[in-house]
Amino acid sequence: MSKLPKPQGYRMLLKPWEPPIKTAGGVFLSDQSRELAKFACVVSEVVDMGPECYKNMDKSETTWCKVGDYVLTGKYVGLKFQYENEDYSIINDDEVVAIVPDPTKIKHR
C-alpha cells in the first residue's frame, strides 16, 4: 500500500467522489462521462487531516467533518494533484461548505 502525502497544519487531504458505473435505470456510463462528472463535482471524501484542523474552533457548538466524511467544497478550491494515478486535493479546513450524508444525491450544475 502506498503512503499518501500527509497534510500539514490546518489542511486536509480529499479524494474526489467517484460517480457510479451505471445509472439508477441500469444504463452504463462511459469512462469519459464518469471523468467529466468527477471533475465537475465538488463532493470529496476526507482522507486525512493535518494536526491543526479545527483546533481553534469551539467543537461544542458545531459538528466538524472528520476522516471518512464526504464534504462539499467550492469547485476551484485547493491544490489538485495525482498520486499513483489517483486524484486528490488538499484544502484548508475552513473551505468545507457542508458535510454530505449521501454523495449519490448531489448533482453538479
PDB file of N, CA and C in Angstrom:
ATOM      1  N   MET A   1       0.845  -1.185   0.000  1.00  0.00           N
ATOM      2  CA  MET A   1       0.000   0.000   0.000  1.00  0.00           C
ATOM      3  C   MET A   1       0.884   1.239   0.000  1.00  0.00           C
ATOM      4  N   SER A   2       0.504   2.229  -0.777  1.00  0.00           N
ATOM      5  CA  SER A   2       1.310   3.440  -0.873  1.00  0.00           C
ATOM      6  C   SER A   2       1.061   4.360   0.321  1.00  0.00           C
ATOM      7  N   LYS A   3       2.003   5.197   0.584  1.00  0.00           N
ATOM      8  CA  LYS A   3       1.870   6.176   1.656  1.00  0.00           C
ATOM      9  C   LYS A   3       1.499   7.513   1.016  1.00  0.00           C
ATOM     10  N   LEU A   4       0.308   7.995   1.306  1.00  0.00           N
ATOM     11  CA  LEU A   4      -0.179   9.254   0.739  1.00  0.00           C
ATOM     12  C   LEU A   4       0.541  10.438   1.372  1.00  0.00           C
ATOM     13  N   PRO A   5       0.585  11.570   0.648  1.00  0.00           N
ATOM     14  CA  PRO A   5       1.136  12.779   1.253  1.00  0.00           C
ATOM     15  C   PRO A   5       0.352  13.146   2.513  1.00  0.00           C
ATOM     16  N   LYS A   6       1.031  13.575   3.553  1.00  0.00           N
ATOM     17  CA  LYS A   6       0.416  13.930   4.836  1.00  0.00           C
ATOM     18  C   LYS A   6       0.138  15.426   4.859  1.00  0.00           C
ATOM     19  N   PRO A   7      -1.135  15.838   4.989  1.00  0.00           N
ATOM     20  CA  PRO A   7      -1.437  17.268   5.074  1.00  0.00           C
ATOM     21  C   PRO A   7      -0.838  17.861   6.351  1.00  0.00           C
ATOM     22  N   GLN A   8      -0.384  19.081   6.252  1.00  0.00           N
ATOM     23  CA  GLN A   8       0.233  19.768   7.385  1.00  0.00           C
ATOM     24  C   GLN A   8      -0.666  20.898   7.880  1.00  0.00           C
ATOM     25  N   GLY A   9      -0.489  21.262   9.138  1.00  0.00           N
ATOM     26  CA  GLY A   9      -1.223  22.393   9.708  1.00  0.00           C
ATOM     27  C   GLY A   9      -2.721  22.179   9.684  1.00  0.00           C
ATOM     28  N   TYR A  10      -3.434  23.160   9.154  1.00  0.00           N
ATOM     29  CA  TYR A  10      -4.896  23.151   9.135  1.00  0.00           C
ATOM     30  C   TYR A  10      -5.445  22.660   7.790  1.00  0.00           C
ATOM     31  N   ARG A  11      -4.648  21.915   7.043  1.00  0.00           N
ATOM     32  CA  ARG A  11      -5.072  21.428   5.733  1.00  0.00           C
ATOM     33  C   ARG A  11      -5.603  19.994   5.834  1.00  0.00           C
ATOM     34  N   MET A  12      -6.437  19.626   4.853  1.00  0.00           N
ATOM     35  CA  MET A  12      -6.961  18.267   4.804  1.00  0.00           C
ATOM     36  C   MET A  12      -6.815  17.695   3.401  1.00  0.00           C
ATOM     37  N   LEU A  13      -6.622  16.394   3.341  1.00  0.00           N
ATOM     38  CA  LEU A  13      -6.460  15.667   2.088  1.00  0.00           C
ATOM     39  C   LEU A  13      -7.812  15.072   1.702  1.00  0.00           C
ATOM     40  N   LEU A  14      -8.247  15.362   0.477  1.00  0.00           N
ATOM     41  CA  LEU A  14      -9.538  14.892  -0.020  1.00  0.00           C
ATOM     42  C   LEU A  14      -9.360  14.034  -1.260  1.00  0.00           C
ATOM     43  N   LYS A  15     -10.249  13.076  -1.436  1.00  0.00           N
ATOM     44  CA  LYS A  15     -10.310  12.277  -2.655  1.00  0.00           C
ATOM     45  C   LYS A  15     -11.670  12.530  -3.288  1.00  0.00           C
ATOM     46  N   PRO A  16     -11.691  12.967  -4.560  1.00  0.00           N
ATOM     47  CA  PRO A  16     -12.982  13.224  -5.206  1.00  0.00           C
ATOM     48  C   PRO A  16     -13.870  11.986  -5.206  1.00  0.00           C
ATOM     49  N   TRP A  17     -15.147  12.214  -5.014  1.00  0.00           N
ATOM     50  CA  TRP A  17     -16.133  11.144  -5.043  1.00  0.00           C
ATOM     51  C   TRP A  17     -16.178  10.555  -6.447  1.00  0.00           C
ATOM     52  N   GLU A  18     -16.245   9.236  -6.528  1.00  0.00           N
ATOM     53  CA  GLU A  18     -16.311   8.529  -7.807  1.00  0.00           C
ATOM     54  C   GLU A  18     -17.766   8.305  -8.209  1.00  0.00           C
ATOM     55  N   PRO A  19     -18.181   8.803  -9.383  1.00  0.00           N
ATOM     56  CA  PRO A  19     -19.554   8.561  -9.843  1.00  0.00           C
ATOM     57  C   PRO A  19     -19.778   7.066 -10.082  1.00  0.00           C
ATOM     58  N   PRO A  20     -21.028   6.613  -9.997  1.00  0.00           N
ATOM     59  CA  PRO A  20     -21.305   5.195 -10.217  1.00  0.00           C
ATOM     60  C   PRO A  20     -21.032   4.779 -11.664  1.00  0.00           C
ATOM     61  N   ILE A  21     -20.828   3.497 -11.861  1.00  0.00           N
ATOM     62  CA  ILE A  21     -20.559   2.964 -13.200  1.00  0.00           C
ATOM     63  C   ILE A  21     -21.827   2.958 -14.048  1.00  0.00           C
ATOM     64  N   LYS A  22     -22.982   2.776 -13.391  1.00  0.00           N
ATOM     65  CA  LYS A  22     -24.238   2.805 -14.145  1.00  0.00           C
ATOM     66  C   LYS A  22     -25.279   3.637 -13.415  1.00  0.00           C
ATOM     67  N   THR A  23     -26.252   4.104 -14.159  1.00  0.00           N
ATOM     68  CA  THR A  23     -27.315   4.941 -13.608  1.00  0.00           C
ATOM     69  C   THR A  23     -28.311   4.073 -12.843  1.00  0.00           C
ATOM     70  N   ALA A  24     -29.209   4.733 -12.128  1.00  0.00           N
ATOM     71  CA  ALA A  24     -30.255   4.015 -11.383  1.00  0.00           C
ATOM     72  C   ALA A  24     -31.136   3.195 -12.327  1.00  0.00           C
ATOM     73  N   GLY A  25     -31.248   3.643 -13.582  1.00  0.00           N
ATOM     74  CA  GLY A  25     -32.046   2.927 -14.581  1.00  0.00           C
ATOM     75  C   GLY A  25     -31.305   1.779 -15.239  1.00  0.00           C
ATOM     76  N   GLY A  26     -30.023   1.579 -14.870  1.00  0.00           N
ATOM     77  CA  GLY A  26     -29.264   0.453 -15.401  1.00  0.00           C
ATOM     78  C   GLY A  26     -28.407   0.759 -16.618  1.00  0.00           C
ATOM     79  N   VAL A  27     -28.337   2.024 -17.029  1.00  0.00           N
ATOM     80  CA  VAL A  27     -27.534   2.399 -18.189  1.00  0.00           C
ATOM     81  C   VAL A  27     -26.080   2.573 -17.748  1.00  0.00           C
ATOM     82  N   PHE A  28     -25.159   1.887 -18.422  1.00  0.00           N
ATOM     83  CA  PHE A  28     -23.743   2.013 -18.111  1.00  0.00           C
ATOM     84  C   PHE A  28     -23.203   3.318 -18.665  1.00  0.00           C
ATOM     85  N   LEU A  29     -22.472   4.048 -17.830  1.00  0.00           N
ATOM     86  CA  LEU A  29     -21.888   5.320 -18.244  1.00  0.00           C
ATOM     87  C   LEU A  29     -20.504   5.087 -18.841  1.00  0.00           C
ATOM     88  N   SER A  30     -20.170   5.863 -19.866  1.00  0.00           N
ATOM     89  CA  SER A  30     -18.848   5.740 -20.477  1.00  0.00           C
ATOM     90  C   SER A  30     -17.791   6.283 -19.520  1.00  0.00           C
ATOM     91  N   ASP A  31     -16.557   5.862 -19.706  1.00  0.00           N
ATOM     92  CA  ASP A  31     -15.455   6.371 -18.882  1.00  0.00           C
ATOM     93  C   ASP A  31     -15.347   7.881 -19.001  1.00  0.00           C
ATOM     94  N   GLN A  32     -15.568   8.401 -20.199  1.00  0.00           N
ATOM     95  CA  GLN A  32     -15.489   9.844 -20.422  1.00  0.00           C
ATOM     96  C   GLN A  32     -16.573  10.579 -19.626  1.00  0.00           C
ATOM     97  N   SER A  33     -17.783  10.052 -19.614  1.00  0.00           N
ATOM     98  CA  SER A  33     -18.878  10.671 -18.851  1.00  0.00           C
ATOM     99  C   SER A  33     -18.571  10.673 -17.360  1.00  0.00           C
ATOM    100  N   ARG A  34     -18.024   9.560 -16.869  1.00  0.00           N
ATOM    101  CA  ARG A  34     -17.682   9.464 -15.448  1.00  0.00           C
ATOM    102  C   ARG A  34     -16.564  10.433 -15.093  1.00  0.00           C
ATOM    103  N   GLU A  35     -15.565  10.577 -15.954  1.00  0.00           N
ATOM    104  CA  GLU A  35     -14.463  11.513 -15.691  1.00  0.00           C
ATOM    105  C   GLU A  35     -14.976  12.948 -15.645  1.00  0.00           C
ATOM    106  N   LEU A  36     -15.848  13.316 -16.584  1.00  0.00           N
ATOM    107  CA  LEU A  36     -16.407  14.668 -16.593  1.00  0.00           C
ATOM    108  C   LEU A  36     -17.210  14.931 -15.330  1.00  0.00           C
ATOM    109  N   ALA A  37     -18.010  13.971 -14.895  1.00  0.00           N
ATOM    110  CA  ALA A  37     -18.814  14.141 -13.682  1.00  0.00           C
ATOM    111  C   ALA A  37     -17.917  14.255 -12.456  1.00  0.00           C
ATOM    112  N   LYS A  38     -16.851  13.477 -12.422  1.00  0.00           N
ATOM    113  CA  LYS A  38     -15.952  13.501 -11.263  1.00  0.00           C
ATOM    114  C   LYS A  38     -15.274  14.857 -11.127  1.00  0.00           C
ATOM    115  N   PHE A  39     -14.799  15.415 -12.241  1.00  0.00           N
ATOM    116  CA  PHE A  39     -14.094  16.682 -12.156  1.00  0.00           C
ATOM    117  C   PHE A  39     -15.031  17.870 -12.001  1.00  0.00           C
ATOM    118  N   ALA A  40     -16.288  17.727 -12.435  1.00  0.00           N
ATOM    119  CA  ALA A  40     -17.245  18.816 -12.265  1.00  0.00           C
ATOM    120  C   ALA A  40     -17.838  18.814 -10.864  1.00  0.00           C
ATOM    121  N   CYS A  41     -17.787  17.686 -10.217  1.00  0.00           N
ATOM    122  CA  CYS A  41     -18.398  17.524  -8.907  1.00  0.00           C
ATOM    123  C   CYS A  41     -17.535  18.160  -7.818  1.00  0.00           C
ATOM    124  N   VAL A  42     -18.149  18.606  -6.760  1.00  0.00           N
ATOM    125  CA  VAL A  42     -17.430  19.240  -5.661  1.00  0.00           C
ATOM    126  C   VAL A  42     -17.595  18.440  -4.365  1.00  0.00           C
ATOM    127  N   VAL A  43     -17.914  17.157  -4.497  1.00  0.00           N
ATOM    128  CA  VAL A  43     -18.038  16.279  -3.340  1.00  0.00           C
ATOM    129  C   VAL A  43     -16.786  15.417  -3.262  1.00  0.00           C
ATOM    130  N   SER A  44     -16.189  15.362  -2.084  1.00  0.00           N
ATOM    131  CA  SER A  44     -14.974  14.583  -1.877  1.00  0.00           C
ATOM    132  C   SER A  44     -15.033  13.890  -0.533  1.00  0.00           C
ATOM    133  N   GLU A  45     -14.240  12.827  -0.405  1.00  0.00           N
ATOM    134  CA  GLU A  45     -14.106  12.123   0.861  1.00  0.00           C
ATOM    135  C   GLU A  45     -12.882  12.647   1.595  1.00  0.00           C
ATOM    136  N   VAL A  46     -13.019  12.897   2.887  1.00  0.00           N
ATOM    137  CA  VAL A  46     -11.890  13.325   3.706  1.00  0.00           C
ATOM    138  C   VAL A  46     -11.019  12.101   3.971  1.00  0.00           C
ATOM    139  N   VAL A  47      -9.775  12.129   3.471  1.00  0.00           N
ATOM    140  CA  VAL A  47      -8.852  11.004   3.607  1.00  0.00           C
ATOM    141  C   VAL A  47      -7.950  11.179   4.823  1.00  0.00           C
ATOM    142  N   ASP A  48      -7.509  12.420   5.053  1.00  0.00           N
ATOM    143  CA  ASP A  48      -6.595  12.690   6.163  1.00  0.00           C
ATOM    144  C   ASP A  48      -6.723  14.158   6.548  1.00  0.00           C
ATOM    145  N   MET A  49      -6.359  14.464   7.785  1.00  0.00           N
ATOM    146  CA  MET A  49      -6.433  15.841   8.273  1.00  0.00           C
ATOM    147  C   MET A  49      -5.133  16.189   8.985  1.00  0.00           C
ATOM    148  N   GLY A  50      -4.680  17.422   8.775  1.00  0.00           N
ATOM    149  CA  GLY A  50      -3.497  17.896   9.468  1.00  0.00           C
ATOM    150  C   GLY A  50      -3.765  18.054  10.958  1.00  0.00           C
ATOM    151  N   PRO A  51      -2.705  18.132  11.760  1.00  0.00           N
ATOM    152  CA  PRO A  51      -2.861  18.199  13.218  1.00  0.00           C
ATOM    153  C   PRO A  51      -3.538  19.468  13.727  1.00  0.00           C
ATOM    154  N   GLU A  52      -3.594  20.517  12.935  1.00  0.00           N
ATOM    155  CA  GLU A  52      -4.196  21.781  13.373  1.00  0.00           C
ATOM    156  C   GLU A  52      -5.635  21.964  12.887  1.00  0.00           C
ATOM    157  N   CYS A  53      -6.196  20.998  12.146  1.00  0.00           N
ATOM    158  CA  CYS A  53      -7.560  21.141  11.627  1.00  0.00           C
ATOM    159  C   CYS A  53      -8.545  21.361  12.768  1.00  0.00           C
ATOM    160  N   TYR A  54      -9.294  22.433  12.669  1.00  0.00           N
ATOM    161  CA  TYR A  54     -10.348  22.791  13.619  1.00  0.00           C
ATOM    162  C   TYR A  54      -9.850  22.935  15.056  1.00  0.00           C
ATOM    163  N   LYS A  55      -8.558  23.074  15.245  1.00  0.00           N
ATOM    164  CA  LYS A  55      -8.002  23.155  16.594  1.00  0.00           C
ATOM    165  C   LYS A  55      -8.507  24.378  17.363  1.00  0.00           C
ATOM    166  N   ASN A  56      -8.655  25.494  16.678  1.00  0.00           N
ATOM    167  CA  ASN A  56      -9.076  26.728  17.348  1.00  0.00           C
ATOM    168  C   ASN A  56     -10.580  26.969  17.264  1.00  0.00           C
ATOM    169  N   MET A  57     -11.336  25.960  16.862  1.00  0.00           N
ATOM    170  CA  MET A  57     -12.786  26.101  16.759  1.00  0.00           C
ATOM    171  C   MET A  57     -13.424  25.514  18.019  1.00  0.00           C
ATOM    172  N   ASP A  58     -14.539  26.083  18.436  1.00  0.00           N
ATOM    173  CA  ASP A  58     -15.263  25.562  19.584  1.00  0.00           C
ATOM    174  C   ASP A  58     -16.116  24.387  19.110  1.00  0.00           C
ATOM    175  N   LYS A  59     -15.686  23.174  19.389  1.00  0.00           N
ATOM    176  CA  LYS A  59     -16.362  21.981  18.897  1.00  0.00           C
ATOM    177  C   LYS A  59     -17.694  21.716  19.586  1.00  0.00           C
ATOM    178  N   SER A  60     -17.987  22.386  20.673  1.00  0.00           N
ATOM    179  CA  SER A  60     -19.236  22.125  21.381  1.00  0.00           C
ATOM    180  C   SER A  60     -20.451  22.714  20.667  1.00  0.00           C
ATOM    181  N   GLU A  61     -20.260  23.690  19.815  1.00  0.00           N
ATOM    182  CA  GLU A  61     -21.383  24.351  19.156  1.00  0.00           C
ATOM    183  C   GLU A  61     -21.633  23.876  17.734  1.00  0.00           C
ATOM    184  N   THR A  62     -20.668  23.203  17.124  1.00  0.00           N
ATOM    185  CA  THR A  62     -20.768  22.828  15.717  1.00  0.00           C
ATOM    186  C   THR A  62     -20.212  21.427  15.507  1.00  0.00           C
ATOM    187  N   THR A  63     -20.746  20.741  14.511  1.00  0.00           N
ATOM    188  CA  THR A  63     -20.189  19.453  14.110  1.00  0.00           C
ATOM    189  C   THR A  63     -19.216  19.701  12.973  1.00  0.00           C
ATOM    190  N   TRP A  64     -17.963  19.345  13.162  1.00  0.00           N
ATOM    191  CA  TRP A  64     -16.945  19.491  12.129  1.00  0.00           C
ATOM    192  C   TRP A  64     -16.758  18.156  11.440  1.00  0.00           C
ATOM    193  N   CYS A  65     -16.265  18.186  10.221  1.00  0.00           N
ATOM    194  CA  CYS A  65     -16.063  16.930   9.495  1.00  0.00           C
ATOM    195  C   CYS A  65     -14.882  16.155  10.082  1.00  0.00           C
ATOM    196  N   LYS A  66     -14.835  14.884   9.718  1.00  0.00           N
ATOM    197  CA  LYS A  66     -13.762  14.007  10.190  1.00  0.00           C
ATOM    198  C   LYS A  66     -13.355  13.085   9.043  1.00  0.00           C
ATOM    199  N   VAL A  67     -12.279  12.346   9.218  1.00  0.00           N
ATOM    200  CA  VAL A  67     -11.818  11.395   8.207  1.00  0.00           C
ATOM    201  C   VAL A  67     -12.943  10.401   7.923  1.00  0.00           C
ATOM    202  N   GLY A  68     -13.199  10.179   6.635  1.00  0.00           N
ATOM    203  CA  GLY A  68     -14.265   9.269   6.207  1.00  0.00           C
ATOM    204  C   GLY A  68     -15.539   9.976   5.792  1.00  0.00           C
ATOM    205  N   ASP A  69     -15.720  11.233   6.203  1.00  0.00           N
ATOM    206  CA  ASP A  69     -16.902  12.002   5.807  1.00  0.00           C
ATOM    207  C   ASP A  69     -16.781  12.436   4.351  1.00  0.00           C
ATOM    208  N   TYR A  70     -17.935  12.628   3.704  1.00  0.00           N
ATOM    209  CA  TYR A  70     -17.983  13.262   2.392  1.00  0.00           C
ATOM    210  C   TYR A  70     -18.323  14.725   2.628  1.00  0.00           C
ATOM    211  N   VAL A  71     -17.626  15.613   1.931  1.00  0.00           N
ATOM    212  CA  VAL A  71     -17.820  17.045   2.131  1.00  0.00           C
ATOM    213  C   VAL A  71     -18.050  17.751   0.803  1.00  0.00           C
ATOM    214  N   LEU A  72     -18.691  18.893   0.894  1.00  0.00           N
ATOM    215  CA  LEU A  72     -18.951  19.756  -0.247  1.00  0.00           C
ATOM    216  C   LEU A  72     -17.991  20.927  -0.164  1.00  0.00           C
ATOM    217  N   THR A  73     -17.291  21.212  -1.268  1.00  0.00           N
ATOM    218  CA  THR A  73     -16.346  22.335  -1.319  1.00  0.00           C
ATOM    219  C   THR A  73     -16.590  23.146  -2.579  1.00  0.00           C
ATOM    220  N   GLY A  74     -15.954  24.295  -2.675  1.00  0.00           N
ATOM    221  CA  GLY A  74     -16.014  25.089  -3.894  1.00  0.00           C
ATOM    222  C   GLY A  74     -15.318  24.359  -5.028  1.00  0.00           C
ATOM    223  N   LYS A  75     -15.741  24.618  -6.252  1.00  0.00           N
ATOM    224  CA  LYS A  75     -15.217  23.914  -7.421  1.00  0.00           C
ATOM    225  C   LYS A  75     -13.723  24.155  -7.631  1.00  0.00           C
ATOM    226  N   TYR A  76     -13.258  25.366  -7.395  1.00  0.00           N
ATOM    227  CA  TYR A  76     -11.867  25.695  -7.688  1.00  0.00           C
ATOM    228  C   TYR A  76     -11.018  25.836  -6.433  1.00  0.00           C
ATOM    229  N   VAL A  77     -11.409  25.174  -5.371  1.00  0.00           N
ATOM    230  CA  VAL A  77     -10.730  25.273  -4.082  1.00  0.00           C
ATOM    231  C   VAL A  77      -9.594  24.262  -4.002  1.00  0.00           C
ATOM    232  N   GLY A  78      -8.496  24.672  -3.409  1.00  0.00           N
ATOM    233  CA  GLY A  78      -7.416  23.749  -3.076  1.00  0.00           C
ATOM    234  C   GLY A  78      -6.440  23.442  -4.183  1.00  0.00           C
ATOM    235  N   LEU A  79      -5.461  22.641  -3.820  1.00  0.00           N
ATOM    236  CA  LEU A  79      -4.424  22.175  -4.728  1.00  0.00           C
ATOM    237  C   LEU A  79      -4.804  20.779  -5.193  1.00  0.00           C
ATOM    238  N   LYS A  80      -4.991  20.615  -6.503  1.00  0.00           N
ATOM    239  CA  LYS A  80      -5.377  19.320  -7.053  1.00  0.00           C
ATOM    240  C   LYS A  80      -4.130  18.640  -7.619  1.00  0.00           C
ATOM    241  N   PHE A  81      -4.023  17.320  -7.393  1.00  0.00           N
ATOM    242  CA  PHE A  81      -2.867  16.584  -7.888  1.00  0.00           C
ATOM    243  C   PHE A  81      -3.218  15.107  -8.034  1.00  0.00           C
ATOM    244  N   GLN A  82      -2.333  14.380  -8.727  1.00  0.00           N
ATOM    245  CA  GLN A  82      -2.466  12.932  -8.845  1.00  0.00           C
ATOM    246  C   GLN A  82      -1.339  12.269  -8.079  1.00  0.00           C
ATOM    247  N   TYR A  83      -1.673  11.182  -7.415  1.00  0.00           N
ATOM    248  CA  TYR A  83      -0.677  10.390  -6.692  1.00  0.00           C
ATOM    249  C   TYR A  83      -0.966   8.932  -7.018  1.00  0.00           C
ATOM    250  N   GLU A  84      -0.007   8.266  -7.640  1.00  0.00           N
ATOM    251  CA  GLU A  84      -0.166   6.890  -8.087  1.00  0.00           C
ATOM    252  C   GLU A  84      -1.465   6.707  -8.884  1.00  0.00           C
ATOM    253  N   ASN A  85      -1.668   7.601  -9.864  1.00  0.00           N
ATOM    254  CA  ASN A  85      -2.805   7.572 -10.788  1.00  0.00           C
ATOM    255  C   ASN A  85      -4.168   7.768 -10.122  1.00  0.00           C
ATOM    256  N   GLU A  86      -4.198   8.303  -8.930  1.00  0.00           N
ATOM    257  CA  GLU A  86      -5.453   8.632  -8.240  1.00  0.00           C
ATOM    258  C   GLU A  86      -5.507  10.145  -8.044  1.00  0.00           C
ATOM    259  N   ASP A  87      -6.704  10.733  -8.151  1.00  0.00           N
ATOM    260  CA  ASP A  87      -6.881  12.170  -7.986  1.00  0.00           C
ATOM    261  C   ASP A  87      -7.113  12.515  -6.520  1.00  0.00           C
ATOM    262  N   TYR A  88      -6.495  13.623  -6.085  1.00  0.00           N
ATOM    263  CA  TYR A  88      -6.625  14.113  -4.717  1.00  0.00           C
ATOM    264  C   TYR A  88      -6.614  15.636  -4.740  1.00  0.00           C
ATOM    265  N   SER A  89      -6.980  16.228  -3.629  1.00  0.00           N
ATOM    266  CA  SER A  89      -6.791  17.670  -3.440  1.00  0.00           C
ATOM    267  C   SER A  89      -6.488  17.918  -1.966  1.00  0.00           C
ATOM    268  N   ILE A  90      -5.813  19.026  -1.731  1.00  0.00           N
ATOM    269  CA  ILE A  90      -5.532  19.472  -0.367  1.00  0.00           C
ATOM    270  C   ILE A  90      -6.173  20.841  -0.216  1.00  0.00           C
ATOM    271  N   ILE A  91      -6.990  20.998   0.827  1.00  0.00           N
ATOM    272  CA  ILE A  91      -7.694  22.256   1.068  1.00  0.00           C
ATOM    273  C   ILE A  91      -7.470  22.697   2.506  1.00  0.00           C
ATOM    274  N   ASN A  92      -7.806  23.948   2.786  1.00  0.00           N
ATOM    275  CA  ASN A  92      -7.808  24.458   4.160  1.00  0.00           C
ATOM    276  C   ASN A  92      -9.093  23.994   4.846  1.00  0.00           C
ATOM    277  N   ASP A  93      -9.033  23.796   6.152  1.00  0.00           N
ATOM    278  CA  ASP A  93     -10.203  23.291   6.882  1.00  0.00           C
ATOM    279  C   ASP A  93     -11.424  24.203   6.783  1.00  0.00           C
ATOM    280  N   ASP A  94     -11.213  25.506   6.619  1.00  0.00           N
ATOM    281  CA  ASP A  94     -12.355  26.429   6.552  1.00  0.00           C
ATOM    282  C   ASP A  94     -12.992  26.501   5.162  1.00  0.00           C
ATOM    283  N   GLU A  95     -12.506  25.705   4.214  1.00  0.00           N
ATOM    284  CA  GLU A  95     -13.079  25.692   2.862  1.00  0.00           C
ATOM    285  C   GLU A  95     -14.152  24.623   2.684  1.00  0.00           C
ATOM    286  N   VAL A  96     -14.425  23.852   3.726  1.00  0.00           N
ATOM    287  CA  VAL A  96     -15.514  22.876   3.685  1.00  0.00           C
ATOM    288  C   VAL A  96     -16.825  23.640   3.867  1.00  0.00           C
ATOM    289  N   VAL A  97     -17.730  23.465   2.914  1.00  0.00           N
ATOM    290  CA  VAL A  97     -19.010  24.172   2.947  1.00  0.00           C
ATOM    291  C   VAL A  97     -20.062  23.367   3.713  1.00  0.00           C
ATOM    292  N   ALA A  98     -20.052  22.037   3.550  1.00  0.00           N
ATOM    293  CA  ALA A  98     -21.056  21.192   4.194  1.00  0.00           C
ATOM    294  C   ALA A  98     -20.570  19.752   4.263  1.00  0.00           C
ATOM    295  N   ILE A  99     -21.120  19.013   5.214  1.00  0.00           N
ATOM    296  CA  ILE A  99     -20.916  17.566   5.276  1.00  0.00           C
ATOM    297  C   ILE A  99     -22.061  16.944   4.485  1.00  0.00           C
ATOM    298  N   VAL A 100     -21.746  15.984   3.616  1.00  0.00           N
ATOM    299  CA  VAL A 100     -22.729  15.367   2.732  1.00  0.00           C
ATOM    300  C   VAL A 100     -23.038  13.948   3.222  1.00  0.00           C
ATOM    301  N   PRO A 101     -24.248  13.695   3.710  1.00  0.00           N
ATOM    302  CA  PRO A 101     -24.581  12.367   4.211  1.00  0.00           C
ATOM    303  C   PRO A 101     -24.605  11.290   3.117  1.00  0.00           C
ATOM    304  N   ASP A 102     -25.039  11.660   1.903  1.00  0.00           N
ATOM    305  CA  ASP A 102     -25.134  10.691   0.803  1.00  0.00           C
ATOM    306  C   ASP A 102     -24.658  11.348  -0.488  1.00  0.00           C
ATOM    307  N   PRO A 103     -23.406  11.087  -0.916  1.00  0.00           N
ATOM    308  CA  PRO A 103     -22.881  11.753  -2.113  1.00  0.00           C
ATOM    309  C   PRO A 103     -23.619  11.400  -3.398  1.00  0.00           C
ATOM    310  N   THR A 104     -24.357  10.295  -3.421  1.00  0.00           N
ATOM    311  CA  THR A 104     -25.090   9.928  -4.645  1.00  0.00           C
ATOM    312  C   THR A 104     -26.256  10.880  -4.921  1.00  0.00           C
ATOM    313  N   LYS A 105     -26.675  11.635  -3.919  1.00  0.00           N
ATOM    314  CA  LYS A 105     -27.811  12.546  -4.076  1.00  0.00           C
ATOM    315  C   LYS A 105     -27.383  13.918  -4.627  1.00  0.00           C
ATOM    316  N   ILE A 106     -26.086  14.205  -4.630  1.00  0.00           N
ATOM    317  CA  ILE A 106     -25.588  15.514  -5.088  1.00  0.00           C
ATOM    318  C   ILE A 106     -25.449  15.505  -6.607  1.00  0.00           C
ATOM    319  N   LYS A 107     -25.988  16.498  -7.250  1.00  0.00           N
ATOM    320  CA  LYS A 107     -25.843  16.677  -8.689  1.00  0.00           C
ATOM    321  C   LYS A 107     -25.123  17.991  -8.945  1.00  0.00           C
ATOM    322  N   HIS A 108     -24.195  17.978  -9.898  1.00  0.00           N
ATOM    323  CA  HIS A 108     -23.482  19.212 -10.224  1.00  0.00           C
ATOM    324  C   HIS A 108     -24.228  19.945 -11.328  1.00  0.00           C
ATOM    325  N   ARG A 109     -23.972  21.238 -11.400  1.00  0.00           N
ATOM    326  CA  ARG A 109     -24.591  22.067 -12.436  1.00  0.00           C
ATOM    327  C   ARG A 109     -23.526  22.756 -13.213  1.00  0.00           C
TER     328      ARG A 109
END
